[in-house]
PDB file of N, CA and C in Angstrom:
ATOM      1  N   UNK A   1     113.233 134.532  87.953  1.00  0.00           N
ATOM      2  CA  UNK A   1     113.144 134.208  89.505  1.00  0.00           C
ATOM      3  C   UNK A   1     112.164 134.360  90.501  1.00  0.00           C
ATOM      4  N   UNK A   2     110.976 135.042  89.636  1.00  0.00           N
ATOM      5  CA  UNK A   2     109.364 135.108  89.871  1.00  0.00           C
ATOM      6  C   UNK A   2     109.103 133.489  89.839  1.00  0.00           C
ATOM      7  N   UNK A   3     108.991 133.155  88.842  1.00  0.00           N
ATOM      8  CA  UNK A   3     108.389 131.491  88.559  1.00  0.00           C
ATOM      9  C   UNK A   3     109.364 130.676  89.824  1.00  0.00           C
ATOM     10  N   UNK A   4     110.286 131.159  89.880  1.00  0.00           N
ATOM     11  CA  UNK A   4     110.852 129.785  91.082  1.00  0.00           C
ATOM     12  C   UNK A   4     110.178 130.273  92.921  1.00  0.00           C
ATOM     13  N   UNK A   5     110.310 131.475  92.966  1.00  0.00           N
ATOM     14  CA  UNK A   5     109.475 131.769  94.123  1.00  0.00           C
ATOM     15  C   UNK A   5     108.334 131.761  94.172  1.00  0.00           C
ATOM     16  N   UNK A   6     107.020 131.475  92.996  1.00  0.00           N
ATOM     17  CA  UNK A   6     105.949 130.871  92.349  1.00  0.00           C
ATOM     18  C   UNK A   6     105.815 129.651  93.177  1.00  0.00           C
ATOM     19  N   UNK A   7     106.956 128.846  92.304  1.00  0.00           N
ATOM     20  CA  UNK A   7     107.003 127.500  92.314  1.00  0.00           C
ATOM     21  C   UNK A   7     107.232 126.338  93.825  1.00  0.00           C
ATOM     22  N   UNK A   8     108.045 127.626  94.782  1.00  0.00           N
ATOM     23  CA  UNK A   8     108.339 127.115  95.988  1.00  0.00           C
ATOM     24  C   UNK A   8     107.137 127.948  97.125  1.00  0.00           C
ATOM     25  N   UNK A   9     106.985 128.526  96.648  1.00  0.00           N
ATOM     26  CA  UNK A   9     105.338 128.729  97.778  1.00  0.00           C
ATOM     27  C   UNK A   9     104.059 127.377  97.755  1.00  0.00           C
ATOM     28  N   UNK A  10     104.085 127.131  96.536  1.00  0.00           N
ATOM     29  CA  UNK A  10     102.906 126.598  95.973  1.00  0.00           C
ATOM     30  C   UNK A  10     103.356 125.135  96.341  1.00  0.00           C
ATOM     31  N   UNK A  11     104.618 124.910  96.655  1.00  0.00           N
ATOM     32  CA  UNK A  11     104.992 123.397  97.282  1.00  0.00           C
ATOM     33  C   UNK A  11     104.640 123.222  98.089  1.00  0.00           C
ATOM     34  N   UNK A  12     105.236 124.549  99.027  1.00  0.00           N
ATOM     35  CA  UNK A  12     105.032 124.840 100.735  1.00  0.00           C
ATOM     36  C   UNK A  12     103.172 124.384 100.664  1.00  0.00           C
ATOM     37  N   UNK A  13     102.594 125.165 100.128  1.00  0.00           N
ATOM     38  CA  UNK A  13     101.498 125.765 100.723  1.00  0.00           C
ATOM     39  C   UNK A  13     100.940 123.926 100.515  1.00  0.00           C
ATOM     40  N   UNK A  14     101.245 123.059  99.598  1.00  0.00           N
ATOM     41  CA  UNK A  14     100.705 122.105  99.225  1.00  0.00           C
ATOM     42  C   UNK A  14     100.991 121.280 100.212  1.00  0.00           C
ATOM     43  N   UNK A  15     102.220 121.034 100.933  1.00  0.00           N
ATOM     44  CA  UNK A  15     102.858 120.158 102.024  1.00  0.00           C
ATOM     45  C   UNK A  15     101.991 120.881 103.434  1.00  0.00           C
ATOM     46  N   UNK A  16     102.225 122.215 103.606  1.00  0.00           N
ATOM     47  CA  UNK A  16     101.389 121.970 104.690  1.00  0.00           C
ATOM     48  C   UNK A  16      99.643 122.045 104.882  1.00  0.00           C
ATOM     49  N   UNK A  17      98.862 122.041 103.552  1.00  0.00           N
ATOM     50  CA  UNK A  17      97.726 121.868 103.440  1.00  0.00           C
ATOM     51  C   UNK A  17      97.808 120.611 103.930  1.00  0.00           C
ATOM     52  N   UNK A  18      98.021 119.716 103.003  1.00  0.00           N
ATOM     53  CA  UNK A  18      98.037 118.151 103.050  1.00  0.00           C
ATOM     54  C   UNK A  18      97.919 117.717 104.405  1.00  0.00           C
ATOM     55  N   UNK A  19      98.736 117.917 105.128  1.00  0.00           N
ATOM     56  CA  UNK A  19      99.480 117.758 106.570  1.00  0.00           C
ATOM     57  C   UNK A  19      98.207 117.603 107.675  1.00  0.00           C
ATOM     58  N   UNK A  20      98.141 119.370 107.526  1.00  0.00           N
ATOM     59  CA  UNK A  20      96.795 119.298 108.094  1.00  0.00           C
ATOM     60  C   UNK A  20      95.444 118.634 108.045  1.00  0.00           C
ATOM     61  N   UNK A  21      95.005 118.263 106.344  1.00  0.00           N
ATOM     62  CA  UNK A  21      94.029 117.581 106.608  1.00  0.00           C
ATOM     63  C   UNK A  21      93.909 116.099 106.726  1.00  0.00           C
ATOM     64  N   UNK A  22      95.440 116.152 107.155  1.00  0.00           N
ATOM     65  CA  UNK A  22      95.613 113.915 107.639  1.00  0.00           C
ATOM     66  C   UNK A  22      95.723 114.110 109.189  1.00  0.00           C
ATOM     67  N   UNK A  23      95.532 115.036 109.395  1.00  0.00           N
ATOM     68  CA  UNK A  23      95.357 115.205 111.195  1.00  0.00           C
ATOM     69  C   UNK A  23      94.290 114.959 112.099  1.00  0.00           C
ATOM     70  N   UNK A  24      94.208 113.585 112.076  1.00  0.00           N
ATOM     71  CA  UNK A  24      92.706 112.810 112.688  1.00  0.00           C
ATOM     72  C   UNK A  24      93.002 112.221 113.660  1.00  0.00           C
ATOM     73  N   UNK A  25      92.452 112.096 114.919  1.00  0.00           N
ATOM     74  CA  UNK A  25      92.604 111.276 116.325  1.00  0.00           C
ATOM     75  C   UNK A  25      92.615 109.523 115.379  1.00  0.00           C
ATOM     76  N   UNK A  26      93.888 109.316 115.893  1.00  0.00           N
ATOM     77  CA  UNK A  26      93.831 107.722 115.733  1.00  0.00           C
ATOM     78  C   UNK A  26      93.943 106.588 116.976  1.00  0.00           C
ATOM     79  N   UNK A  27      93.442 105.769 117.066  1.00  0.00           N
ATOM     80  CA  UNK A  27      93.362 104.631 118.034  1.00  0.00           C
ATOM     81  C   UNK A  27      94.613 104.124 118.543  1.00  0.00           C
ATOM     82  N   UNK A  28      95.349 103.999 119.546  1.00  0.00           N
ATOM     83  CA  UNK A  28      96.836 103.546 119.469  1.00  0.00           C
ATOM     84  C   UNK A  28      96.484 102.265 120.643  1.00  0.00           C
ATOM     85  N   UNK A  29      95.545 102.539 121.769  1.00  0.00           N
ATOM     86  CA  UNK A  29      95.849 101.491 122.666  1.00  0.00           C
ATOM     87  C   UNK A  29      93.949 101.355 123.091  1.00  0.00           C
ATOM     88  N   UNK A  30      93.883 100.064 123.290  1.00  0.00           N
ATOM     89  CA  UNK A  30      92.484  99.839 124.401  1.00  0.00           C
ATOM     90  C   UNK A  30      92.868  98.886 125.010  1.00  0.00           C
ATOM     91  N   UNK A  31      91.895  98.963 126.668  1.00  0.00           N
ATOM     92  CA  UNK A  31      92.065  98.025 127.277  1.00  0.00           C
ATOM     93  C   UNK A  31      90.703  97.939 127.990  1.00  0.00           C
ATOM     94  N   UNK A  32      90.127  96.380 127.837  1.00  0.00           N
ATOM     95  CA  UNK A  32      90.804  95.225 127.104  1.00  0.00           C
ATOM     96  C   UNK A  32      91.326  95.519 125.494  1.00  0.00           C
ATOM     97  N   UNK A  33      92.670  94.971 124.955  1.00  0.00           N
ATOM     98  CA  UNK A  33      93.421  94.897 123.861  1.00  0.00           C
ATOM     99  C   UNK A  33      92.507  94.314 123.555  1.00  0.00           C
ATOM    100  N   UNK A  34      92.321  94.869 121.679  1.00  0.00           N
ATOM    101  CA  UNK A  34      91.965  94.083 120.838  1.00  0.00           C
ATOM    102  C   UNK A  34      92.421  92.961 120.408  1.00  0.00           C
ATOM    103  N   UNK A  35      91.041  91.930 120.349  1.00  0.00           N
ATOM    104  CA  UNK A  35      91.184  90.460 120.821  1.00  0.00           C
ATOM    105  C   UNK A  35      91.706  89.907 121.753  1.00  0.00           C
ATOM    106  N   UNK A  36      91.807  90.635 122.807  1.00  0.00           N
ATOM    107  CA  UNK A  36      92.077  90.167 124.208  1.00  0.00           C
ATOM    108  C   UNK A  36      91.368  89.092 124.478  1.00  0.00           C
ATOM    109  N   UNK A  37      91.764  87.886 125.681  1.00  0.00           N
ATOM    110  CA  UNK A  37      91.084  87.376 126.708  1.00  0.00           C
ATOM    111  C   UNK A  37      90.932  87.940 127.812  1.00  0.00           C
ATOM    112  N   UNK A  38      90.056  88.048 128.338  1.00  0.00           N
ATOM    113  CA  UNK A  38      90.268  88.629 129.820  1.00  0.00           C
ATOM    114  C   UNK A  38      89.225  88.221 130.564  1.00  0.00           C
ATOM    115  N   UNK A  39      89.459  88.772 132.103  1.00  0.00           N
ATOM    116  CA  UNK A  39      88.377  88.583 133.212  1.00  0.00           C
ATOM    117  C   UNK A  39      87.457  90.044 132.771  1.00  0.00           C
ATOM    118  N   UNK A  40      85.955  89.852 133.483  1.00  0.00           N
ATOM    119  CA  UNK A  40      85.147  91.181 133.335  1.00  0.00           C
ATOM    120  C   UNK A  40      85.829  92.116 133.098  1.00  0.00           C
ATOM    121  N   UNK A  41      86.119  93.065 132.381  1.00  0.00           N
ATOM    122  CA  UNK A  41      86.488  94.790 132.922  1.00  0.00           C
ATOM    123  C   UNK A  41      85.622  95.004 133.237  1.00  0.00           C
ATOM    124  N   UNK A  42      86.149  95.999 134.550  1.00  0.00           N
ATOM    125  CA  UNK A  42      85.594  97.484 134.797  1.00  0.00           C
ATOM    126  C   UNK A  42      85.267  98.846 134.378  1.00  0.00           C
ATOM    127  N   UNK A  43      86.076  98.679 133.099  1.00  0.00           N
ATOM    128  CA  UNK A  43      85.959  99.600 132.103  1.00  0.00           C
ATOM    129  C   UNK A  43      86.561  99.461 130.708  1.00  0.00           C
ATOM    130  N   UNK A  44      86.398 100.698 129.704  1.00  0.00           N
ATOM    131  CA  UNK A  44      87.040 100.463 128.782  1.00  0.00           C
ATOM    132  C   UNK A  44      87.900 101.572 128.779  1.00  0.00           C
ATOM    133  N   UNK A  45      89.077 101.051 128.013  1.00  0.00           N
ATOM    134  CA  UNK A  45      90.022 102.722 128.026  1.00  0.00           C
ATOM    135  C   UNK A  45      90.671 102.981 126.979  1.00  0.00           C
ATOM    136  N   UNK A  46      90.013 103.632 126.044  1.00  0.00           N
ATOM    137  CA  UNK A  46      90.689 103.733 124.533  1.00  0.00           C
ATOM    138  C   UNK A  46      91.575 104.842 124.515  1.00  0.00           C
ATOM    139  N   UNK A  47      93.073 105.167 123.921  1.00  0.00           N
ATOM    140  CA  UNK A  47      93.659 105.966 124.208  1.00  0.00           C
ATOM    141  C   UNK A  47      93.744 106.140 122.749  1.00  0.00           C
ATOM    142  N   UNK A  48      94.170 107.328 122.480  1.00  0.00           N
ATOM    143  CA  UNK A  48      94.346 108.264 121.131  1.00  0.00           C
ATOM    144  C   UNK A  48      95.658 108.702 120.897  1.00  0.00           C
ATOM    145  N   UNK A  49      96.285 108.982 119.951  1.00  0.00           N
ATOM    146  CA  UNK A  49      96.885 110.108 119.924  1.00  0.00           C
ATOM    147  C   UNK A  49      96.775 111.330 119.841  1.00  0.00           C
ATOM    148  N   UNK A  50      95.467 111.484 120.186  1.00  0.00           N
ATOM    149  CA  UNK A  50      95.345 113.340 120.103  1.00  0.00           C
ATOM    150  C   UNK A  50      94.536 113.363 121.015  1.00  0.00           C
ATOM    151  N   UNK A  51      94.505 114.885 122.361  1.00  0.00           N
ATOM    152  CA  UNK A  51      93.389 115.015 123.093  1.00  0.00           C
ATOM    153  C   UNK A  51      91.898 114.573 122.145  1.00  0.00           C
ATOM    154  N   UNK A  52      90.591 113.824 123.250  1.00  0.00           N
ATOM    155  CA  UNK A  52      89.670 114.405 122.786  1.00  0.00           C
ATOM    156  C   UNK A  52      88.393 114.626 123.420  1.00  0.00           C
ATOM    157  N   UNK A  53      87.013 115.391 123.235  1.00  0.00           N
ATOM    158  CA  UNK A  53      86.125 115.734 123.992  1.00  0.00           C
ATOM    159  C   UNK A  53      85.210 115.025 124.181  1.00  0.00           C
ATOM    160  N   UNK A  54      85.004 114.723 125.890  1.00  0.00           N
ATOM    161  CA  UNK A  54      84.294 113.105 126.089  1.00  0.00           C
ATOM    162  C   UNK A  54      82.684 113.663 125.781  1.00  0.00           C
ATOM    163  N   UNK A  55      82.556 114.686 125.827  1.00  0.00           N
ATOM    164  CA  UNK A  55      81.397 114.909 126.016  1.00  0.00           C
ATOM    165  C   UNK A  55      80.020 114.475 124.372  1.00  0.00           C
ATOM    166  N   UNK A  56      82.270 114.328 123.429  1.00  0.00           N
ATOM    167  CA  UNK A  56      80.907 113.351 122.265  1.00  0.00           C
ATOM    168  C   UNK A  56      82.170 112.756 121.475  1.00  0.00           C
ATOM    169  N   UNK A  57      82.226 111.667 122.510  1.00  0.00           N
ATOM    170  CA  UNK A  57      83.427 110.423 122.494  1.00  0.00           C
ATOM    171  C   UNK A  57      82.372 110.011 123.293  1.00  0.00           C
ATOM    172  N   UNK A  58      82.409 108.026 122.577  1.00  0.00           N
ATOM    173  CA  UNK A  58      81.994 107.269 123.669  1.00  0.00           C
ATOM    174  C   UNK A  58      81.760 106.042 123.039  1.00  0.00           C
ATOM    175  N   UNK A  59      81.536 105.070 123.646  1.00  0.00           N
ATOM    176  CA  UNK A  59      81.229 103.605 123.572  1.00  0.00           C
ATOM    177  C   UNK A  59      80.316 103.007 123.539  1.00  0.00           C
ATOM    178  N   UNK A  60      79.344 101.813 122.942  1.00  0.00           N
ATOM    179  CA  UNK A  60      78.810 100.582 122.851  1.00  0.00           C
ATOM    180  C   UNK A  60      79.102  99.478 122.685  1.00  0.00           C
ATOM    181  N   UNK A  61      79.108  98.729 124.098  1.00  0.00           N
ATOM    182  CA  UNK A  61      79.242  97.719 124.122  1.00  0.00           C
ATOM    183  C   UNK A  61      78.368  96.749 123.761  1.00  0.00           C
ATOM    184  N   UNK A  62      78.522  95.663 122.667  1.00  0.00           N
ATOM    185  CA  UNK A  62      77.302  94.849 122.382  1.00  0.00           C
ATOM    186  C   UNK A  62      77.596  93.208 122.798  1.00  0.00           C
ATOM    187  N   UNK A  63      76.889  91.730 123.180  1.00  0.00           N
ATOM    188  CA  UNK A  63      77.155  90.697 123.433  1.00  0.00           C
ATOM    189  C   UNK A  63      77.215  90.324 121.596  1.00  0.00           C
ATOM    190  N   UNK A  64      77.679  88.860 122.541  1.00  0.00           N
ATOM    191  CA  UNK A  64      77.527  88.379 120.729  1.00  0.00           C
ATOM    192  C   UNK A  64      76.198  88.215 119.963  1.00  0.00           C
ATOM    193  N   UNK A  65      74.950  87.980 121.338  1.00  0.00           N
ATOM    194  CA  UNK A  65      73.754  87.869 120.574  1.00  0.00           C
ATOM    195  C   UNK A  65      73.566  90.067 119.869  1.00  0.00           C
ATOM    196  N   UNK A  66      74.335  90.672 120.554  1.00  0.00           N
ATOM    197  CA  UNK A  66      73.825  91.825 119.951  1.00  0.00           C
ATOM    198  C   UNK A  66      73.449  92.931 120.762  1.00  0.00           C
ATOM    199  N   UNK A  67      73.166  91.827 122.298  1.00  0.00           N
ATOM    200  CA  UNK A  67      72.402  92.756 123.452  1.00  0.00           C
ATOM    201  C   UNK A  67      73.563  93.972 123.593  1.00  0.00           C
ATOM    202  N   UNK A  68      73.208  94.875 124.317  1.00  0.00           N
ATOM    203  CA  UNK A  68      74.117  96.552 124.497  1.00  0.00           C
ATOM    204  C   UNK A  68      74.140  96.118 125.788  1.00  0.00           C
ATOM    205  N   UNK A  69      75.252  96.465 126.707  1.00  0.00           N
ATOM    206  CA  UNK A  69      75.739  96.129 127.878  1.00  0.00           C
ATOM    207  C   UNK A  69      75.850  98.076 128.557  1.00  0.00           C
ATOM    208  N   UNK A  70      75.171  97.735 129.298  1.00  0.00           N
ATOM    209  CA  UNK A  70      74.896  99.177 130.348  1.00  0.00           C
ATOM    210  C   UNK A  70      76.316  99.683 131.217  1.00  0.00           C
ATOM    211  N   UNK A  71      76.289 101.021 129.773  1.00  0.00           N
ATOM    212  CA  UNK A  71      77.726 101.617 130.644  1.00  0.00           C
ATOM    213  C   UNK A  71      77.771 102.287 130.812  1.00  0.00           C
ATOM    214  N   UNK A  72      78.608 103.591 131.521  1.00  0.00           N
ATOM    215  CA  UNK A  72      78.968 105.082 132.289  1.00  0.00           C
ATOM    216  C   UNK A  72      79.187 105.853 131.234  1.00  0.00           C
ATOM    217  N   UNK A  73      78.532 107.043 131.693  1.00  0.00           N
ATOM    218  CA  UNK A  73      79.572 108.318 131.383  1.00  0.00           C
ATOM    219  C   UNK A  73      80.897 108.115 130.534  1.00  0.00           C
ATOM    220  N   UNK A  74      81.178 108.490 129.732  1.00  0.00           N
ATOM    221  CA  UNK A  74      82.493 108.847 129.013  1.00  0.00           C
ATOM    222  C   UNK A  74      83.211 110.248 129.745  1.00  0.00           C
ATOM    223  N   UNK A  75      84.221 109.278 130.065  1.00  0.00           N
ATOM    224  CA  UNK A  75      85.083 110.802 130.534  1.00  0.00           C
ATOM    225  C   UNK A  75      86.529 110.541 129.697  1.00  0.00           C
ATOM    226  N   UNK A  76      86.999 111.499 130.693  1.00  0.00           N
ATOM    227  CA  UNK A  76      88.709 111.223 130.016  1.00  0.00           C
ATOM    228  C   UNK A  76      89.562 111.526 131.701  1.00  0.00           C
ATOM    229  N   UNK A  77      90.573 110.490 131.092  1.00  0.00           N
ATOM    230  CA  UNK A  77      91.390 110.372 132.533  1.00  0.00           C
ATOM    231  C   UNK A  77      92.349 111.574 132.533  1.00  0.00           C
ATOM    232  N   UNK A  78      92.421 112.129 134.103  1.00  0.00           N
ATOM    233  CA  UNK A  78      92.596 112.983 134.352  1.00  0.00           C
ATOM    234  C   UNK A  78      94.378 113.350 134.289  1.00  0.00           C
ATOM    235  N   UNK A  79      94.934 112.510 133.809  1.00  0.00           N
ATOM    236  CA  UNK A  79      96.565 112.183 133.637  1.00  0.00           C
ATOM    237  C   UNK A  79      97.121 112.184 132.474  1.00  0.00           C
ATOM    238  N   UNK A  80      95.422 111.930 131.393  1.00  0.00           N
ATOM    239  CA  UNK A  80      95.942 111.968 130.609  1.00  0.00           C
ATOM    240  C   UNK A  80      95.032 112.096 128.866  1.00  0.00           C
ATOM    241  N   UNK A  81      94.515 113.572 128.236  1.00  0.00           N
ATOM    242  CA  UNK A  81      93.422 113.877 128.219  1.00  0.00           C
ATOM    243  C   UNK A  81      93.081 113.014 126.373  1.00  0.00           C
ATOM    244  N   UNK A  82      94.178 112.329 126.167  1.00  0.00           N
ATOM    245  CA  UNK A  82      94.164 111.758 124.917  1.00  0.00           C
ATOM    246  C   UNK A  82      93.372 110.235 125.493  1.00  0.00           C
ATOM    247  N   UNK A  83      93.305 110.032 126.575  1.00  0.00           N
ATOM    248  CA  UNK A  83      92.831 108.746 127.330  1.00  0.00           C
ATOM    249  C   UNK A  83      91.236 108.639 127.677  1.00  0.00           C
ATOM    250  N   UNK A  84      90.328 107.740 126.784  1.00  0.00           N
ATOM    251  CA  UNK A  84      89.026 108.073 127.123  1.00  0.00           C
ATOM    252  C   UNK A  84      88.875 106.616 127.804  1.00  0.00           C
ATOM    253  N   UNK A  85      88.005 106.914 129.052  1.00  0.00           N
ATOM    254  CA  UNK A  85      87.672 106.349 129.929  1.00  0.00           C
ATOM    255  C   UNK A  85      86.210 106.199 130.208  1.00  0.00           C
ATOM    256  N   UNK A  86      85.570 104.402 129.470  1.00  0.00           N
ATOM    257  CA  UNK A  86      83.978 104.559 130.165  1.00  0.00           C
ATOM    258  C   UNK A  86      83.808 103.280 130.753  1.00  0.00           C
ATOM    259  N   UNK A  87      83.133 103.985 131.747  1.00  0.00           N
ATOM    260  CA  UNK A  87      83.078 101.973 132.829  1.00  0.00           C
ATOM    261  C   UNK A  87      81.799 101.447 132.123  1.00  0.00           C
ATOM    262  N   UNK A  88      81.753 100.748 132.828  1.00  0.00           N
ATOM    263  CA  UNK A  88      80.940  99.036 131.993  1.00  0.00           C
ATOM    264  C   UNK A  88      80.271  98.723 133.829  1.00  0.00           C
ATOM    265  N   UNK A  89      78.709  98.991 133.510  1.00  0.00           N
ATOM    266  CA  UNK A  89      78.093  98.846 134.310  1.00  0.00           C
ATOM    267  C   UNK A  89      77.188  97.520 135.058  1.00  0.00           C
ATOM    268  N   UNK A  90      77.580  96.596 134.243  1.00  0.00           N
ATOM    269  CA  UNK A  90      77.400  95.239 134.149  1.00  0.00           C
ATOM    270  C   UNK A  90      78.683  93.963 134.733  1.00  0.00           C
ATOM    271  N   UNK A  91      78.689  93.207 135.010  1.00  0.00           N
ATOM    272  CA  UNK A  91      79.448  92.185 134.892  1.00  0.00           C
ATOM    273  C   UNK A  91      79.244  91.619 133.839  1.00  0.00           C
ATOM    274  N   UNK A  92      80.308  91.435 133.266  1.00  0.00           N
ATOM    275  CA  UNK A  92      80.594  90.255 132.090  1.00  0.00           C
ATOM    276  C   UNK A  92      80.335  89.148 131.710  1.00  0.00           C
ATOM    277  N   UNK A  93      79.653  88.347 131.365  1.00  0.00           N
ATOM    278  CA  UNK A  93      79.814  87.281 131.743  1.00  0.00           C
ATOM    279  C   UNK A  93      80.384  86.555 130.727  1.00  0.00           C
ATOM    280  N   UNK A  94      81.442  85.178 130.201  1.00  0.00           N
ATOM    281  CA  UNK A  94      82.109  84.690 129.658  1.00  0.00           C
ATOM    282  C   UNK A  94      81.737  84.578 128.340  1.00  0.00           C
ATOM    283  N   UNK A  95      82.106  84.957 127.285  1.00  0.00           N
ATOM    284  CA  UNK A  95      82.065  85.460 125.871  1.00  0.00           C
ATOM    285  C   UNK A  95      82.394  85.852 124.821  1.00  0.00           C
ATOM    286  N   UNK A  96      82.274  86.517 123.843  1.00  0.00           N
ATOM    287  CA  UNK A  96      82.629  88.071 123.017  1.00  0.00           C
ATOM    288  C   UNK A  96      82.164  88.723 122.691  1.00  0.00           C
ATOM    289  N   UNK A  97      82.212  90.225 122.778  1.00  0.00           N
ATOM    290  CA  UNK A  97      82.430  91.374 122.905  1.00  0.00           C
ATOM    291  C   UNK A  97      82.769  92.174 121.685  1.00  0.00           C
ATOM    292  N   UNK A  98      81.599  93.093 121.062  1.00  0.00           N
ATOM    293  CA  UNK A  98      82.240  93.715 120.162  1.00  0.00           C
ATOM    294  C   UNK A  98      82.127  95.621 121.109  1.00  0.00           C
ATOM    295  N   UNK A  99      83.371  96.126 120.665  1.00  0.00           N
ATOM    296  CA  UNK A  99      83.213  97.569 121.241  1.00  0.00           C
ATOM    297  C   UNK A  99      83.331  98.918 120.142  1.00  0.00           C
ATOM    298  N   UNK A 100      82.044  99.445 120.316  1.00  0.00           N
ATOM    299  CA  UNK A 100      81.651 100.479 118.606  1.00  0.00           C
ATOM    300  C   UNK A 100      82.106 101.726 119.646  1.00  0.00           C
ATOM    301  N   UNK A 101      82.854 102.022 119.324  1.00  0.00           N
ATOM    302  CA  UNK A 101      84.016 103.959 119.634  1.00  0.00           C
ATOM    303  C   UNK A 101      83.806 104.540 118.499  1.00  0.00           C
ATOM    304  N   UNK A 102      83.456 105.547 119.240  1.00  0.00           N
ATOM    305  CA  UNK A 102      83.650 107.417 118.606  1.00  0.00           C
ATOM    306  C   UNK A 102      84.445 108.014 119.323  1.00  0.00           C
ATOM    307  N   UNK A 103      84.963 109.114 118.634  1.00  0.00           N
ATOM    308  CA  UNK A 103      85.677 109.908 119.136  1.00  0.00           C
ATOM    309  C   UNK A 103      85.496 111.428 118.521  1.00  0.00           C
ATOM    310  N   UNK A 104      85.506 112.340 119.175  1.00  0.00           N
ATOM    311  CA  UNK A 104      85.935 113.561 118.739  1.00  0.00           C
ATOM    312  C   UNK A 104      87.018 114.387 119.199  1.00  0.00           C
ATOM    313  N   UNK A 105      88.145 114.710 118.628  1.00  0.00           N
ATOM    314  CA  UNK A 105      89.090 115.229 118.722  1.00  0.00           C
ATOM    315  C   UNK A 105      88.849 117.003 119.197  1.00  0.00           C
ATOM    316  N   UNK A 106      90.360 117.137 119.723  1.00  0.00           N
ATOM    317  CA  UNK A 106      89.684 118.876 120.341  1.00  0.00           C
ATOM    318  C   UNK A 106      89.898 119.279 119.065  1.00  0.00           C
ATOM    319  N   UNK A 107      90.393 119.383 117.773  1.00  0.00           N
ATOM    320  CA  UNK A 107      90.142 120.321 116.479  1.00  0.00           C
ATOM    321  C   UNK A 107      88.834 119.574 116.033  1.00  0.00           C
ATOM    322  N   UNK A 108      88.158 118.881 116.476  1.00  0.00           N
ATOM    323  CA  UNK A 108      86.781 118.644 116.282  1.00  0.00           C
ATOM    324  C   UNK A 108      86.710 117.755 115.149  1.00  0.00           C
ATOM    325  N   UNK A 109      87.680 116.886 114.285  1.00  0.00           N
ATOM    326  CA  UNK A 109      87.593 115.758 113.815  1.00  0.00           C
ATOM    327  C   UNK A 109      87.092 114.730 114.444  1.00  0.00           C
ATOM    328  N   UNK A 110      85.845 113.796 113.078  1.00  0.00           N
ATOM    329  CA  UNK A 110      85.410 112.659 114.230  1.00  0.00           C
ATOM    330  C   UNK A 110      85.706 111.649 113.701  1.00  0.00           C
ATOM    331  N   UNK A 111      85.980 110.660 114.448  1.00  0.00           N
ATOM    332  CA  UNK A 111      86.518 109.283 114.203  1.00  0.00           C
ATOM    333  C   UNK A 111      85.574 108.339 114.505  1.00  0.00           C
ATOM    334  N   UNK A 112      85.496 106.619 114.169  1.00  0.00           N
ATOM    335  CA  UNK A 112      84.719 105.910 114.968  1.00  0.00           C
ATOM    336  C   UNK A 112      85.125 104.483 114.481  1.00  0.00           C
ATOM    337  N   UNK A 113      85.442 103.117 115.117  1.00  0.00           N
ATOM    338  CA  UNK A 113      85.695 102.170 115.014  1.00  0.00           C
ATOM    339  C   UNK A 113      85.020 100.917 115.829  1.00  0.00           C
ATOM    340  N   UNK A 114      85.655  99.474 115.314  1.00  0.00           N
ATOM    341  CA  UNK A 114      84.886  98.949 116.139  1.00  0.00           C
ATOM    342  C   UNK A 114      86.077  97.825 116.418  1.00  0.00           C
ATOM    343  N   UNK A 115      85.819  97.045 117.603  1.00  0.00           N
ATOM    344  CA  UNK A 115      86.688  96.190 118.047  1.00  0.00           C
ATOM    345  C   UNK A 115      86.570  94.923 119.357  1.00  0.00           C
ATOM    346  N   UNK A 116      87.201  93.736 119.293  1.00  0.00           N
ATOM    347  CA  UNK A 116      86.197  92.662 119.901  1.00  0.00           C
ATOM    348  C   UNK A 116      87.023  92.264 120.921  1.00  0.00           C
ATOM    349  N   UNK A 117      86.731  91.744 121.939  1.00  0.00           N
ATOM    350  CA  UNK A 117      87.406  91.172 122.900  1.00  0.00           C
ATOM    351  C   UNK A 117      86.712  89.961 123.475  1.00  0.00           C
ATOM    352  N   UNK A 118      87.068  88.967 124.552  1.00  0.00           N
ATOM    353  CA  UNK A 118      86.352  87.569 124.855  1.00  0.00           C
ATOM    354  C   UNK A 118      86.840  88.103 126.104  1.00  0.00           C
ATOM    355  N   UNK A 119      85.566  86.985 127.221  1.00  0.00           N
ATOM    356  CA  UNK A 119      85.835  87.295 128.483  1.00  0.00           C
ATOM    357  C   UNK A 119      85.825  85.830 129.115  1.00  0.00           C
ATOM    358  N   UNK A 120      86.689  85.067 129.343  1.00  0.00           N
ATOM    359  CA  UNK A 120      86.846  84.589 130.871  1.00  0.00           C
ATOM    360  C   UNK A 120      86.579  84.329 131.639  1.00  0.00           C
ATOM    361  N   UNK A 121      86.365  82.875 132.395  1.00  0.00           N
ATOM    362  CA  UNK A 121      86.189  83.150 134.185  1.00  0.00           C
ATOM    363  C   UNK A 121      87.291  82.235 134.613  1.00  0.00           C
TER     364      UNK A 121
END
């Protein structure tokens, strides 16, 4: 009986600790969307599966030549703490752009990623 109880407790501990280890923020959606062809955006909006801390999160936008596009300070959407909003301070010319993003969730997990979109007129 004691061996069975120890096995059950061990399995439960493994299940619950494994779920915690996998709990990282994940990108759910982006505006402009990944691979989209769009008008010049006034802001980049990235939605995660959990709340993020704007002070430690942001984006860097680069044009095809690698020039960094000016952006404003990263903010959280007042209606959704999972959505990071970054103003684009320049009118983007037609072409392809890369968004390098990074985010830190409320539970301090840090993630980063990259996606591209294109601007047309």
